[in-house]
């Protein structure tokens, strides 16, 4: 069993509450990084929108394909 099969098996055991808490912890970590490294927040708003769209394409495609 390779690493990806192992992680997919473990992720399948999580509940929706576990996944929500994981998302909130990642959001808190990103806010901490933004607070500590101020140049991260110096980009114009549309760059954040572009990054969001690019990073969301693959998960959304996989969601709708399955």
N, C-alpha and C. Protein backbone atom coordinates (compact mmCIF):
# COMPACT_ATOMS: atom_id res chain seq x y z
N UNK A 1 0.85 -1.18 0.00
CA UNK A 1 0.00 0.00 0.00
C UNK A 1 0.89 1.23 0.00
N UNK A 2 0.71 2.09 -0.99
CA UNK A 2 1.52 3.30 -1.03
C UNK A 2 0.90 4.39 -0.15
N UNK A 3 1.58 5.49 -0.07
CA UNK A 3 1.18 6.59 0.83
C UNK A 3 -0.19 7.14 0.48
N UNK A 4 -0.47 7.32 -0.81
CA UNK A 4 -1.73 7.92 -1.22
C UNK A 4 -2.92 7.00 -0.94
N UNK A 5 -2.75 5.71 -1.15
CA UNK A 5 -3.82 4.77 -0.80
C UNK A 5 -4.07 4.79 0.71
N UNK A 6 -3.01 4.85 1.48
CA UNK A 6 -3.13 4.88 2.93
C UNK A 6 -3.88 6.13 3.40
N UNK A 7 -3.49 7.29 2.84
CA UNK A 7 -4.15 8.53 3.26
C UNK A 7 -5.61 8.56 2.82
N UNK A 8 -5.92 8.06 1.63
CA UNK A 8 -7.32 8.02 1.19
C UNK A 8 -8.15 7.12 2.09
N UNK A 9 -7.56 6.03 2.54
CA UNK A 9 -8.27 5.12 3.45
C UNK A 9 -8.54 5.82 4.78
N UNK A 10 -7.57 6.56 5.29
CA UNK A 10 -7.74 7.27 6.56
C UNK A 10 -8.74 8.42 6.42
N UNK A 11 -8.68 9.16 5.32
CA UNK A 11 -9.60 10.28 5.10
C UNK A 11 -11.04 9.79 5.03
N UNK A 12 -11.24 8.60 4.49
CA UNK A 12 -12.58 8.04 4.41
C UNK A 12 -13.23 7.81 5.76
N UNK A 13 -12.44 7.75 6.82
CA UNK A 13 -12.97 7.53 8.17
C UNK A 13 -13.38 8.83 8.86
N UNK A 14 -13.07 9.97 8.27
CA UNK A 14 -13.38 11.26 8.89
C UNK A 14 -14.85 11.61 8.72
N UNK A 15 -15.39 12.30 9.70
CA UNK A 15 -16.76 12.79 9.60
C UNK A 15 -16.74 14.20 9.03
N UNK A 16 -17.93 14.73 8.76
CA UNK A 16 -17.99 16.09 8.22
C UNK A 16 -17.53 17.11 9.24
N UNK A 17 -17.67 16.80 10.52
CA UNK A 17 -17.18 17.71 11.56
C UNK A 17 -15.65 17.74 11.56
N UNK A 18 -15.03 16.57 11.40
CA UNK A 18 -13.56 16.51 11.34
C UNK A 18 -13.03 17.31 10.16
N UNK A 19 -13.68 17.19 9.03
CA UNK A 19 -13.23 17.91 7.83
C UNK A 19 -13.42 19.41 8.01
N UNK A 20 -14.55 19.81 8.61
CA UNK A 20 -14.78 21.23 8.88
C UNK A 20 -13.76 21.81 9.83
N UNK A 21 -13.44 21.07 10.89
CA UNK A 21 -12.42 21.54 11.83
C UNK A 21 -11.05 21.63 11.18
N UNK A 22 -10.76 20.71 10.28
CA UNK A 22 -9.49 20.77 9.55
C UNK A 22 -9.43 22.03 8.69
N UNK A 23 -10.51 22.34 8.02
CA UNK A 23 -10.56 23.56 7.20
C UNK A 23 -10.38 24.81 8.05
N UNK A 24 -11.03 24.85 9.21
CA UNK A 24 -10.89 26.01 10.10
C UNK A 24 -9.47 26.14 10.63
N UNK A 25 -8.82 25.01 10.93
CA UNK A 25 -7.45 25.08 11.42
C UNK A 25 -6.50 25.57 10.32
N UNK A 26 -6.75 25.17 9.09
CA UNK A 26 -5.92 25.66 7.98
C UNK A 26 -6.15 27.16 7.78
N UNK A 27 -7.40 27.61 7.88
CA UNK A 27 -7.68 29.05 7.75
C UNK A 27 -6.97 29.84 8.84
N UNK A 28 -6.99 29.33 10.07
CA UNK A 28 -6.31 30.02 11.17
C UNK A 28 -4.80 30.05 10.94
N UNK A 29 -4.24 28.97 10.42
CA UNK A 29 -2.80 28.94 10.13
C UNK A 29 -2.45 29.95 9.05
N UNK A 30 -3.26 30.05 8.01
CA UNK A 30 -3.01 31.01 6.93
C UNK A 30 -3.09 32.44 7.46
N UNK A 31 -4.07 32.72 8.33
CA UNK A 31 -4.16 34.05 8.92
C UNK A 31 -2.93 34.37 9.77
N UNK A 32 -2.42 33.37 10.48
CA UNK A 32 -1.21 33.57 11.28
C UNK A 32 -0.01 33.89 10.39
N UNK A 33 0.13 33.15 9.29
CA UNK A 33 1.23 33.40 8.35
C UNK A 33 1.09 34.81 7.76
N UNK A 34 -0.13 35.20 7.39
CA UNK A 34 -0.35 36.54 6.83
C UNK A 34 -0.02 37.62 7.86
N UNK A 35 -0.31 37.37 9.12
CA UNK A 35 -0.02 38.34 10.17
C UNK A 35 1.49 38.47 10.39
N UNK A 36 2.20 37.34 10.31
CA UNK A 36 3.65 37.35 10.55
C UNK A 36 4.44 37.84 9.35
N UNK A 37 3.92 37.62 8.13
CA UNK A 37 4.65 37.98 6.92
C UNK A 37 3.79 38.98 6.14
N UNK A 38 3.94 40.26 6.45
CA UNK A 38 3.07 41.29 5.88
C UNK A 38 3.15 41.46 4.36
N UNK A 39 4.29 41.16 3.68
CA UNK A 39 4.26 41.30 2.21
C UNK A 39 3.23 40.40 1.53
N UNK A 40 2.81 39.35 2.21
CA UNK A 40 1.79 38.47 1.64
C UNK A 40 0.49 39.21 1.38
N UNK A 41 0.19 40.20 2.21
CA UNK A 41 -1.07 40.94 2.07
C UNK A 41 -0.95 42.17 1.18
N UNK A 42 0.19 42.36 0.55
CA UNK A 42 0.39 43.56 -0.27
C UNK A 42 -0.09 43.39 -1.70
N UNK A 43 -0.56 42.21 -2.08
CA UNK A 43 -1.04 42.01 -3.44
C UNK A 43 -2.40 42.68 -3.63
N UNK A 44 -2.72 43.02 -4.88
CA UNK A 44 -4.05 43.55 -5.19
C UNK A 44 -5.08 42.43 -5.05
N UNK A 45 -6.34 42.79 -4.86
CA UNK A 45 -7.39 41.82 -4.56
C UNK A 45 -7.57 40.78 -5.66
N UNK A 46 -7.39 41.19 -6.93
CA UNK A 46 -7.65 40.26 -8.03
C UNK A 46 -6.64 39.12 -8.08
N UNK A 47 -5.43 39.31 -7.53
CA UNK A 47 -4.47 38.20 -7.49
C UNK A 47 -4.96 37.09 -6.57
N UNK A 48 -5.57 37.48 -5.46
CA UNK A 48 -6.12 36.47 -4.55
C UNK A 48 -7.27 35.73 -5.22
N UNK A 49 -8.09 36.45 -5.98
CA UNK A 49 -9.18 35.80 -6.73
C UNK A 49 -8.65 34.84 -7.77
N UNK A 50 -7.60 35.23 -8.47
CA UNK A 50 -7.00 34.36 -9.48
C UNK A 50 -6.40 33.11 -8.84
N UNK A 51 -5.71 33.28 -7.73
CA UNK A 51 -5.14 32.14 -7.02
C UNK A 51 -6.24 31.20 -6.56
N UNK A 52 -7.34 31.76 -6.03
CA UNK A 52 -8.47 30.94 -5.60
C UNK A 52 -9.03 30.11 -6.75
N UNK A 53 -9.27 30.75 -7.89
CA UNK A 53 -9.86 30.04 -9.03
C UNK A 53 -8.93 28.94 -9.52
N UNK A 54 -7.65 29.24 -9.66
CA UNK A 54 -6.69 28.25 -10.14
C UNK A 54 -6.62 27.05 -9.20
N UNK A 55 -6.58 27.32 -7.90
CA UNK A 55 -6.46 26.22 -6.93
C UNK A 55 -7.77 25.45 -6.77
N UNK A 56 -8.91 26.05 -7.09
CA UNK A 56 -10.20 25.37 -6.93
C UNK A 56 -10.61 24.56 -8.15
N UNK A 57 -9.94 24.73 -9.26
CA UNK A 57 -10.36 24.05 -10.50
C UNK A 57 -10.30 22.54 -10.36
N UNK A 58 -9.19 22.00 -9.90
CA UNK A 58 -9.02 20.54 -9.84
C UNK A 58 -9.99 19.88 -8.86
N UNK A 59 -10.11 20.37 -7.61
CA UNK A 59 -11.09 19.72 -6.73
C UNK A 59 -12.52 19.81 -7.24
N UNK A 60 -12.91 20.94 -7.81
CA UNK A 60 -14.26 21.07 -8.34
C UNK A 60 -14.49 20.14 -9.53
N UNK A 61 -13.50 20.02 -10.38
CA UNK A 61 -13.60 19.11 -11.53
C UNK A 61 -13.76 17.67 -11.04
N UNK A 62 -12.96 17.29 -10.06
CA UNK A 62 -13.07 15.93 -9.52
C UNK A 62 -14.41 15.72 -8.82
N UNK A 63 -14.93 16.74 -8.15
CA UNK A 63 -16.22 16.64 -7.48
C UNK A 63 -17.34 16.39 -8.46
N UNK A 64 -17.36 17.15 -9.54
CA UNK A 64 -18.44 17.02 -10.50
C UNK A 64 -18.30 15.81 -11.41
N UNK A 65 -17.05 15.30 -11.57
CA UNK A 65 -16.82 14.13 -12.41
C UNK A 65 -17.23 12.84 -11.72
N UNK A 66 -17.07 12.78 -10.40
CA UNK A 66 -17.32 11.53 -9.67
C UNK A 66 -18.76 11.18 -9.54
